[in-house]
Amino acid sequence: MTAQVLRIVAAVVLDERNHVLVVRKRGTTSFMQPGGKIEPGEEPLQALAREVAEELGTGFDVSTVRPLGHHRAVAANEPGHVVDAQLYLVDLDGEPHPAAEIEEMTWIDAHAPGDIELAPLTGHTVLALARDLAG
């Protein structure tokens, strides 16, 4: 059986220490990037702006967004699915806080994330990207 593909966008947000912002949705156990599914008729950056505003209560300057490519991984919260994620490096224009379906958020060190449960895309791809971005 072939896994179903979920098209998503996700924000890679780094702080001044180059720690990565991760969120956990209500009723789940894995931490991941803020973001979500691209709605029909939406452009990826429109979807990202909507998701970041909904989930973190802040926005970002679209002109400073840096594309980090398409990446695939097993979906953390939807068995039998994979995510086809368009990742973007984003500088938030306000202080993020958990909103909408986000239960918890935290900043993790890409080199030493600790024992936090991470979604496959975060653990296998985003942390490596963050390490590369930090130099």
N, C-alpha and C. Protein backbone atom coordinates (compact mmCIF):
# COMPACT_ATOMS: atom_id res chain seq x y z
N MET A 1 0.84 -1.18 0.00
CA MET A 1 0.00 0.00 0.00
C MET A 1 0.89 1.25 0.00
N THR A 2 0.56 2.20 -0.84
CA THR A 2 1.32 3.44 -0.94
C THR A 2 0.83 4.44 0.08
N ALA A 3 1.75 5.09 0.75
CA ALA A 3 1.39 6.11 1.74
C ALA A 3 0.78 7.31 1.03
N GLN A 4 -0.21 7.92 1.67
CA GLN A 4 -0.80 9.15 1.14
C GLN A 4 0.12 10.31 1.46
N VAL A 5 0.18 11.29 0.54
CA VAL A 5 1.08 12.43 0.68
C VAL A 5 0.30 13.66 1.13
N LEU A 6 0.80 14.29 2.18
CA LEU A 6 0.23 15.55 2.67
C LEU A 6 1.17 16.68 2.27
N ARG A 7 0.67 17.64 1.50
CA ARG A 7 1.48 18.80 1.10
C ARG A 7 1.41 19.83 2.22
N ILE A 8 2.56 20.14 2.79
CA ILE A 8 2.59 21.10 3.89
C ILE A 8 3.68 22.15 3.67
N VAL A 9 3.58 23.21 4.45
CA VAL A 9 4.64 24.22 4.57
C VAL A 9 5.03 24.26 6.03
N ALA A 10 6.28 24.57 6.30
CA ALA A 10 6.74 24.65 7.68
C ALA A 10 7.81 25.72 7.82
N ALA A 11 7.77 26.40 8.96
CA ALA A 11 8.71 27.48 9.26
C ALA A 11 9.86 26.97 10.12
N VAL A 12 11.07 27.22 9.67
CA VAL A 12 12.25 26.96 10.47
C VAL A 12 12.62 28.31 11.08
N VAL A 13 12.48 28.40 12.40
CA VAL A 13 12.72 29.65 13.12
C VAL A 13 13.89 29.43 14.06
N LEU A 14 14.91 30.28 13.93
CA LEU A 14 16.10 30.20 14.79
C LEU A 14 16.15 31.43 15.67
N ASP A 15 16.62 31.26 16.90
CA ASP A 15 16.82 32.43 17.78
C ASP A 15 18.28 32.88 17.71
N GLU A 16 18.64 33.83 18.54
CA GLU A 16 19.99 34.38 18.50
C GLU A 16 21.06 33.36 18.87
N ARG A 17 20.67 32.27 19.54
CA ARG A 17 21.62 31.20 19.89
C ARG A 17 21.64 30.11 18.83
N ASN A 18 20.86 30.30 17.76
CA ASN A 18 20.65 29.29 16.72
C ASN A 18 19.91 28.06 17.23
N HIS A 19 19.07 28.26 18.24
CA HIS A 19 18.17 27.20 18.68
C HIS A 19 16.94 27.23 17.79
N VAL A 20 16.32 26.07 17.63
CA VAL A 20 15.20 25.89 16.71
C VAL A 20 13.89 25.89 17.49
N LEU A 21 12.92 26.66 17.00
CA LEU A 21 11.59 26.69 17.60
C LEU A 21 10.82 25.46 17.15
N VAL A 22 10.28 24.71 18.11
CA VAL A 22 9.42 23.57 17.81
C VAL A 22 8.14 23.69 18.62
N VAL A 23 7.07 23.12 18.06
CA VAL A 23 5.76 23.18 18.71
C VAL A 23 5.18 21.78 18.80
N ARG A 24 4.27 21.61 19.76
CA ARG A 24 3.53 20.35 19.90
C ARG A 24 2.05 20.67 19.86
N LYS A 25 1.35 20.00 18.96
CA LYS A 25 -0.08 20.22 18.83
C LYS A 25 -0.83 19.47 19.93
N ARG A 26 -1.94 20.03 20.35
CA ARG A 26 -2.79 19.44 21.38
C ARG A 26 -3.16 18.01 20.99
N GLY A 27 -3.02 17.08 21.93
CA GLY A 27 -3.38 15.69 21.70
C GLY A 27 -2.31 14.87 20.99
N THR A 28 -1.10 15.45 20.82
CA THR A 28 0.00 14.72 20.17
C THR A 28 1.21 14.70 21.10
N THR A 29 2.22 13.93 20.71
CA THR A 29 3.41 13.81 21.56
C THR A 29 4.68 14.33 20.90
N SER A 30 4.67 14.48 19.57
CA SER A 30 5.88 14.90 18.84
C SER A 30 5.94 16.40 18.65
N PHE A 31 7.14 16.94 18.81
CA PHE A 31 7.39 18.35 18.51
C PHE A 31 7.82 18.47 17.05
N MET A 32 7.42 19.58 16.43
CA MET A 32 7.69 19.81 15.01
C MET A 32 7.75 21.29 14.74
N GLN A 33 7.94 21.64 13.47
CA GLN A 33 7.96 23.04 13.07
C GLN A 33 6.53 23.58 13.02
N PRO A 34 6.37 24.89 13.27
CA PRO A 34 5.08 25.50 13.02
C PRO A 34 4.78 25.41 11.53
N GLY A 35 3.53 25.22 11.20
CA GLY A 35 3.14 25.12 9.80
C GLY A 35 1.96 24.19 9.66
N GLY A 36 1.66 23.82 8.43
CA GLY A 36 0.53 22.93 8.22
C GLY A 36 0.23 22.74 6.75
N LYS A 37 -0.95 22.21 6.51
CA LYS A 37 -1.37 21.86 5.16
C LYS A 37 -1.63 23.10 4.31
N ILE A 38 -1.31 22.97 3.04
CA ILE A 38 -1.60 24.02 2.07
C ILE A 38 -3.04 23.81 1.61
N GLU A 39 -3.87 24.84 1.77
CA GLU A 39 -5.28 24.75 1.38
C GLU A 39 -5.40 24.89 -0.14
N PRO A 40 -6.47 24.33 -0.73
CA PRO A 40 -6.67 24.48 -2.18
C PRO A 40 -6.68 25.96 -2.57
N GLY A 41 -5.94 26.28 -3.63
CA GLY A 41 -5.88 27.65 -4.12
C GLY A 41 -4.87 28.54 -3.41
N GLU A 42 -4.24 28.03 -2.36
CA GLU A 42 -3.26 28.82 -1.61
C GLU A 42 -1.86 28.63 -2.19
N GLU A 43 -1.11 29.72 -2.22
CA GLU A 43 0.30 29.63 -2.53
C GLU A 43 1.03 29.22 -1.25
N PRO A 44 2.19 28.56 -1.36
CA PRO A 44 2.90 28.11 -0.16
C PRO A 44 3.17 29.22 0.87
N LEU A 45 3.64 30.39 0.44
CA LEU A 45 3.93 31.45 1.41
C LEU A 45 2.65 32.01 2.05
N GLN A 46 1.54 31.99 1.32
CA GLN A 46 0.26 32.39 1.92
C GLN A 46 -0.12 31.41 3.02
N ALA A 47 0.04 30.13 2.73
CA ALA A 47 -0.27 29.10 3.73
C ALA A 47 0.64 29.24 4.95
N LEU A 48 1.92 29.50 4.70
CA LEU A 48 2.86 29.64 5.82
C LEU A 48 2.49 30.84 6.69
N ALA A 49 2.16 31.96 6.05
CA ALA A 49 1.77 33.15 6.83
C ALA A 49 0.52 32.87 7.66
N ARG A 50 -0.45 32.19 7.07
CA ARG A 50 -1.68 31.85 7.79
C ARG A 50 -1.38 30.94 8.97
N GLU A 51 -0.60 29.89 8.73
CA GLU A 51 -0.29 28.93 9.79
C GLU A 51 0.52 29.57 10.92
N VAL A 52 1.52 30.37 10.59
CA VAL A 52 2.34 31.02 11.63
C VAL A 52 1.48 31.97 12.46
N ALA A 53 0.61 32.74 11.82
CA ALA A 53 -0.28 33.65 12.55
C ALA A 53 -1.22 32.86 13.47
N GLU A 54 -1.80 31.77 12.95
CA GLU A 54 -2.73 30.96 13.75
C GLU A 54 -2.02 30.29 14.92
N GLU A 55 -0.86 29.69 14.66
CA GLU A 55 -0.19 28.86 15.66
C GLU A 55 0.69 29.62 16.63
N LEU A 56 1.25 30.75 16.19
CA LEU A 56 2.21 31.47 17.04
C LEU A 56 1.77 32.89 17.38
N GLY A 57 0.68 33.36 16.77
CA GLY A 57 0.18 34.69 17.07
C GLY A 57 1.09 35.81 16.61
N THR A 58 1.89 35.55 15.59
CA THR A 58 2.80 36.56 15.05
C THR A 58 2.92 36.38 13.56
N GLY A 59 3.67 37.25 12.93
CA GLY A 59 3.87 37.17 11.49
C GLY A 59 5.33 37.20 11.15
N PHE A 60 5.63 37.47 9.88
CA PHE A 60 7.00 37.59 9.41
C PHE A 60 7.00 38.42 8.14
N ASP A 61 8.15 38.97 7.82
CA ASP A 61 8.33 39.76 6.61
C ASP A 61 8.62 38.80 5.46
N VAL A 62 7.68 38.68 4.53
CA VAL A 62 7.81 37.73 3.42
C VAL A 62 9.07 37.98 2.61
N SER A 63 9.52 39.25 2.53
CA SER A 63 10.70 39.57 1.73
C SER A 63 11.99 38.99 2.31
N THR A 64 11.97 38.58 3.58
CA THR A 64 13.18 38.02 4.20
C THR A 64 13.16 36.50 4.29
N VAL A 65 12.08 35.88 3.83
CA VAL A 65 11.95 34.42 3.91
C VAL A 65 12.95 33.77 2.96
N ARG A 66 13.58 32.70 3.45
CA ARG A 66 14.55 31.97 2.63
C ARG A 66 14.07 30.53 2.42
N PRO A 67 13.83 30.12 1.16
CA PRO A 67 13.39 28.74 0.92
C PRO A 67 14.50 27.76 1.27
N LEU A 68 14.11 26.66 1.91
CA LEU A 68 15.06 25.61 2.28
C LEU A 68 14.79 24.30 1.56
N GLY A 69 13.92 24.34 0.55
CA GLY A 69 13.68 23.16 -0.28
C GLY A 69 12.50 22.31 0.12
N HIS A 70 12.24 21.31 -0.73
CA HIS A 70 11.21 20.29 -0.51
C HIS A 70 11.85 19.10 0.20
N HIS A 71 11.15 18.59 1.19
CA HIS A 71 11.67 17.45 1.93
C HIS A 71 10.51 16.52 2.26
N ARG A 72 10.77 15.22 2.23
CA ARG A 72 9.74 14.22 2.56
C ARG A 72 10.13 13.47 3.82
N ALA A 73 9.10 13.11 4.58
CA ALA A 73 9.31 12.32 5.79
C ALA A 73 7.99 11.64 6.17
N VAL A 74 8.08 10.63 6.98
CA VAL A 74 6.89 9.99 7.52
C VAL A 74 6.14 11.01 8.37
N ALA A 75 4.83 11.09 8.22
CA ALA A 75 4.03 12.02 9.01
C ALA A 75 4.01 11.58 10.47
N ALA A 76 4.19 12.54 11.36
CA ALA A 76 4.26 12.22 12.80
C ALA A 76 2.91 11.84 13.38
N ASN A 77 1.83 12.50 12.94
CA ASN A 77 0.54 12.34 13.60
C ASN A 77 -0.54 11.68 12.76
N GLU A 78 -0.18 11.26 11.54
CA GLU A 78 -1.17 10.66 10.65
C GLU A 78 -0.61 9.37 10.07
N PRO A 79 -0.93 8.23 10.70
CA PRO A 79 -0.41 6.95 10.23
C PRO A 79 -0.75 6.70 8.76
N GLY A 80 0.21 6.11 8.03
CA GLY A 80 0.00 5.80 6.63
C GLY A 80 0.21 6.98 5.71
N HIS A 81 0.70 8.10 6.25
CA HIS A 81 0.92 9.30 5.45
C HIS A 81 2.39 9.71 5.50
N VAL A 82 2.80 10.41 4.44
CA VAL A 82 4.09 11.08 4.44
C VAL A 82 3.82 12.56 4.19
N VAL A 83 4.72 13.39 4.68
CA VAL A 83 4.61 14.81 4.40
C VAL A 83 5.58 15.18 3.30
N ASP A 84 5.10 15.99 2.38
CA ASP A 84 5.93 16.62 1.36
C ASP A 84 5.98 18.07 1.79
N ALA A 85 7.07 18.44 2.46
CA ALA A 85 7.15 19.74 3.13
C ALA A 85 8.01 20.72 2.36
N GLN A 86 7.48 21.92 2.19
CA GLN A 86 8.27 23.03 1.71
C GLN A 86 8.72 23.78 2.96
N LEU A 87 10.01 23.79 3.20
CA LEU A 87 10.56 24.43 4.40
C LEU A 87 11.08 25.82 4.06
N TYR A 88 10.87 26.74 4.98
CA TYR A 88 11.31 28.12 4.82
C TYR A 88 11.96 28.61 6.10
N LEU A 89 13.10 29.28 5.97
CA LEU A 89 13.72 29.97 7.11
C LEU A 89 12.98 31.28 7.28
N VAL A 90 12.47 31.52 8.48
CA VAL A 90 11.59 32.66 8.75
C VAL A 90 12.10 33.42 9.97
N ASP A 91 12.12 34.75 9.87
CA ASP A 91 12.38 35.62 11.02
C ASP A 91 11.05 36.19 11.46
N LEU A 92 10.61 35.82 12.65
CA LEU A 92 9.32 36.29 13.16
C LEU A 92 9.41 37.78 13.48
N ASP A 93 8.28 38.49 13.32
CA ASP A 93 8.27 39.92 13.62
C ASP A 93 7.63 40.23 14.97
N GLY A 94 7.48 39.21 15.79
CA GLY A 94 6.93 39.40 17.13
C GLY A 94 7.33 38.23 18.01
N GLU A 95 6.92 38.29 19.27
CA GLU A 95 7.22 37.22 20.22
C GLU A 95 6.22 36.08 20.04
N PRO A 96 6.69 34.86 19.71
CA PRO A 96 5.75 33.76 19.50
C PRO A 96 5.16 33.26 20.82
N HIS A 97 3.94 32.79 20.75
CA HIS A 97 3.30 32.12 21.88
C HIS A 97 2.35 31.07 21.34
N PRO A 98 2.14 29.99 22.09
CA PRO A 98 1.25 28.93 21.61
C PRO A 98 -0.17 29.46 21.43
N ALA A 99 -0.75 29.22 20.26
CA ALA A 99 -2.12 29.64 19.96
C ALA A 99 -2.81 28.52 19.18
N ALA A 100 -4.10 28.68 18.94
CA ALA A 100 -4.90 27.70 18.19
C ALA A 100 -4.69 26.30 18.77
N GLU A 101 -4.26 25.35 17.92
CA GLU A 101 -4.12 23.96 18.38
C GLU A 101 -2.78 23.66 19.03
N ILE A 102 -1.93 24.67 19.20
CA ILE A 102 -0.60 24.44 19.78
C ILE A 102 -0.70 24.38 21.30
N GLU A 103 -0.28 23.26 21.84
CA GLU A 103 -0.31 23.04 23.28
C GLU A 103 0.95 23.58 23.95
N GLU A 104 2.07 23.44 23.24
CA GLU A 104 3.37 23.75 23.86
C GLU A 104 4.37 24.15 22.78
N MET A 105 5.29 25.04 23.14
CA MET A 105 6.40 25.38 22.24
C MET A 105 7.67 25.48 23.07
N THR A 106 8.80 25.22 22.41
CA THR A 106 10.08 25.31 23.09
C THR A 106 11.16 25.54 22.04
N TRP A 107 12.33 25.95 22.52
CA TRP A 107 13.51 26.13 21.66
C TRP A 107 14.47 25.01 21.97
N ILE A 108 15.01 24.36 20.93
CA ILE A 108 15.95 23.26 21.15
C ILE A 108 17.26 23.53 20.41
N ASP A 109 18.32 23.00 20.96
CA ASP A 109 19.64 23.10 20.36
C ASP A 109 19.73 22.05 19.26
N ALA A 110 20.01 22.46 18.04
CA ALA A 110 20.09 21.53 16.91
C ALA A 110 21.20 20.51 17.08
N HIS A 111 22.23 20.83 17.88
CA HIS A 111 23.34 19.91 18.11
C HIS A 111 23.06 18.95 19.25
N ALA A 112 22.20 19.35 20.19
CA ALA A 112 21.91 18.53 21.37
C ALA A 112 20.45 18.76 21.78
N PRO A 113 19.49 18.16 21.04
CA PRO A 113 18.08 18.43 21.32
C PRO A 113 17.56 17.81 22.62
N GLY A 114 18.32 16.92 23.22
CA GLY A 114 17.87 16.28 24.45
C GLY A 114 16.92 15.14 24.15
N ASP A 115 16.10 14.78 25.13
CA ASP A 115 15.24 13.60 24.99
C ASP A 115 13.83 13.95 24.53
N ILE A 116 13.64 15.12 23.95
CA ILE A 116 12.36 15.55 23.46
C ILE A 116 11.96 14.70 22.24
N GLU A 117 10.69 14.30 22.17
CA GLU A 117 10.20 13.52 21.04
C GLU A 117 10.00 14.44 19.84
N LEU A 118 10.69 14.15 18.75
CA LEU A 118 10.62 14.99 17.55
C LEU A 118 9.95 14.25 16.41
N ALA A 119 9.19 14.99 15.61
CA ALA A 119 8.61 14.44 14.38
C ALA A 119 9.75 14.03 13.46
N PRO A 120 9.55 13.02 12.61
CA PRO A 120 10.62 12.57 11.72
C PRO A 120 11.22 13.70 10.87
N LEU A 121 10.40 14.58 10.31
CA LEU A 121 10.92 15.68 9.50
C LEU A 121 11.85 16.58 10.32
N THR A 122 11.47 16.85 11.55
CA THR A 122 12.29 17.70 12.42
C THR A 122 13.59 16.99 12.78
N GLY A 123 13.48 15.77 13.26
CA GLY A 123 14.65 15.03 13.72
C GLY A 123 15.65 14.70 12.63
N HIS A 124 15.15 14.37 11.43
CA HIS A 124 16.05 13.91 10.37
C HIS A 124 16.47 15.02 9.41
N THR A 125 15.67 16.05 9.27
CA THR A 125 15.95 17.06 8.24
C THR A 125 16.17 18.45 8.82
N VAL A 126 15.22 18.93 9.61
CA VAL A 126 15.28 20.32 10.08
C VAL A 126 16.50 20.56 10.96
N LEU A 127 16.81 19.66 11.86
CA LEU A 127 17.97 19.88 12.73
C LEU A 127 19.27 19.92 11.93
N ALA A 128 19.37 19.08 10.89
CA ALA A 128 20.57 19.12 10.03
C ALA A 128 20.65 20.44 9.28
N LEU A 129 19.51 20.92 8.78
CA LEU A 129 19.49 22.23 8.11
C LEU A 129 19.91 23.34 9.06
N ALA A 130 19.38 23.29 10.28
CA ALA A 130 19.70 24.31 11.28
C ALA A 130 21.19 24.30 11.62
N ARG A 131 21.77 23.11 11.73
CA ARG A 131 23.21 23.03 12.00
C ARG A 131 24.01 23.65 10.85
N ASP A 132 23.59 23.37 9.62
CA ASP A 132 24.27 23.95 8.45
C ASP A 132 24.12 25.46 8.42
N LEU A 133 22.93 25.96 8.75
CA LEU A 133 22.68 27.42 8.73
C LEU A 133 23.51 28.13 9.78
N ALA A 134 23.73 27.47 10.91
CA ALA A 134 24.48 28.08 12.01
C ALA A 134 25.98 28.13 11.69
N GLY A 135 26.38 27.36 10.69
CA GLY A 135 27.79 27.37 10.30
C GLY A 135 28.55 26.42 11.10
